[in-house]
Amino acid sequence: MTWTVSEITLEAHYMGGVPPDRAVLSCCSITKTPGRYVEERGADGSIQCSISEPPGLIVRGVDQAKLDTLPWKPTLLRYKDSTGKELEAEGRLRDTLEQNAAHFVLSRPA
């Protein structure tokens, strides 16, 4: 699923009443990527699943230089979908080879 999105807000929240760090960045779209799972068989023949790639969000059209200069690590991503509904996702940024894109790995499903 892909949404046309004009901006994202990245945040990092802290304990002890410290205000969160926040950055608003322009972008073009957000694409939700499903997790990839590998089925393996245990010694007793039971099926076990392990995550080979966690689910995530790919943010395209983001200014990579601004993203790279953030002195803190974002743990929350906020955006509005095409209907204007505000959505948020918890996770962390992960390196990506795609230019002008950010890969936000989800810590729980969005």
Protein backbone atom coordinates (compact mmCIF):
# COMPACT_ATOMS: atom_id res chain seq x y z
CA MET A 1 0.00 0.00 0.00
CA THR A 2 1.33 3.45 -0.94
CA TRP A 3 0.09 6.84 0.25
CA THR A 4 0.83 10.22 -1.31
CA VAL A 5 2.26 12.21 1.60
CA SER A 6 3.73 15.72 1.56
CA GLU A 7 5.55 15.60 4.90
CA ILE A 8 6.49 13.39 7.81
CA THR A 9 7.27 14.18 11.41
CA LEU A 10 10.03 12.20 13.09
CA GLU A 11 10.18 12.18 16.88
CA ALA A 12 12.30 10.76 19.68
CA HIS A 13 10.65 10.53 23.10
CA TYR A 14 12.55 10.45 26.38
CA MET A 15 11.84 9.56 30.00
CA GLY A 16 11.64 12.00 32.89
CA GLY A 17 9.44 14.63 31.29
CA VAL A 18 12.11 15.70 28.80
CA PRO A 19 10.44 17.22 25.73
CA PRO A 20 10.73 15.09 22.59
CA ASP A 21 13.06 15.91 19.72
CA ARG A 22 11.06 16.56 16.55
CA ALA A 23 11.80 17.17 12.87
CA VAL A 24 9.37 17.81 10.02
CA LEU A 25 10.64 16.73 6.59
CA SER A 26 9.11 17.04 3.13
CA CYS A 27 8.51 13.84 1.17
CA CYS A 28 6.48 12.43 -1.75
CA SER A 29 5.07 9.10 -0.59
CA ILE A 30 5.09 6.35 2.00
CA THR A 31 4.94 2.68 1.07
CA LYS A 32 4.12 -0.01 3.61
CA THR A 33 6.32 -3.09 3.21
CA PRO A 34 5.26 -6.44 4.67
CA GLY A 35 7.57 -8.49 6.82
CA ARG A 36 9.29 -11.50 5.31
CA TYR A 37 9.27 -14.70 7.28
CA VAL A 38 11.19 -17.91 6.81
CA GLU A 39 9.72 -21.25 7.84
CA GLU A 40 12.21 -23.65 9.35
CA ARG A 41 11.75 -27.11 10.79
CA GLY A 42 13.00 -27.96 14.23
CA ALA A 43 14.75 -31.21 15.07
CA ASP A 44 11.39 -32.67 16.12
CA GLY A 45 9.79 -31.66 12.79
CA SER A 46 7.85 -28.71 14.21
CA ILE A 47 7.54 -25.61 12.03
CA GLN A 48 9.19 -22.49 13.37
CA CYS A 49 8.96 -19.05 11.81
CA SER A 50 11.69 -16.49 12.02
CA ILE A 51 11.70 -12.95 10.70
CA SER A 52 14.17 -12.35 7.88
CA GLU A 53 12.93 -8.79 7.20
CA PRO A 54 10.65 -6.91 9.62
CA PRO A 55 7.68 -4.91 8.31
CA GLY A 56 8.41 -1.26 7.57
CA LEU A 57 7.61 1.99 5.84
CA ILE A 58 9.63 3.38 2.93
CA VAL A 59 9.48 7.19 2.81
CA ARG A 60 10.37 8.47 -0.66
CA GLY A 61 11.35 11.99 -1.70
CA VAL A 62 12.92 12.85 1.65
CA ASP A 63 16.00 15.10 1.85
CA GLN A 64 18.71 12.57 2.76
CA ALA A 65 21.12 15.29 3.92
CA LYS A 66 18.64 16.59 6.50
CA LEU A 67 17.90 13.08 7.66
CA ASP A 68 21.60 12.26 8.03
CA THR A 69 22.27 15.37 10.14
CA LEU A 70 19.72 14.57 12.86
CA PRO A 71 21.74 14.37 16.11
CA TRP A 72 19.18 11.97 17.66
CA LYS A 73 17.57 8.68 16.67
CA PRO A 74 13.87 8.86 15.73
CA THR A 75 11.56 6.31 17.36
CA LEU A 76 8.22 7.61 16.07
CA LEU A 77 7.03 8.56 12.59
CA ARG A 78 3.84 10.60 12.07
CA TYR A 79 2.10 11.31 8.76
CA LYS A 80 -1.32 11.93 7.25
CA ASP A 81 -2.76 9.45 4.77
CA SER A 82 -4.63 10.47 1.60
CA THR A 83 -7.86 10.98 3.59
CA GLY A 84 -6.13 13.37 6.03
CA LYS A 85 -6.17 10.88 8.89
CA GLU A 86 -3.09 11.24 11.09
CA LEU A 87 -1.19 7.98 11.52
CA GLU A 88 1.85 7.10 13.59
CA ALA A 89 4.29 4.23 13.68
CA GLU A 90 6.87 3.21 16.27
CA GLY A 91 10.20 1.89 15.11
CA ARG A 92 13.64 2.98 13.99
CA LEU A 93 15.40 4.19 10.88
CA ARG A 94 17.42 1.65 8.94
CA ASP A 95 19.98 2.19 6.21
CA THR A 96 18.72 1.89 2.65
CA LEU A 97 20.49 1.93 -0.71
CA GLU A 98 17.63 3.82 -2.34
CA GLN A 99 18.46 7.51 -2.86
CA ASN A 100 16.23 10.15 -1.26
CA ALA A 101 14.43 7.51 0.76
CA ALA A 102 14.20 6.47 4.38
CA HIS A 103 13.40 2.96 5.61
CA PHE A 104 11.55 3.04 8.94
CA VAL A 105 11.45 -0.46 10.47
CA LEU A 106 8.34 -1.00 12.58
CA SER A 107 8.58 -2.24 16.14
CA ARG A 108 4.87 -3.10 16.01
CA PRO A 109 2.41 -3.21 13.09
CA ALA A 110 1.16 0.18 11.88
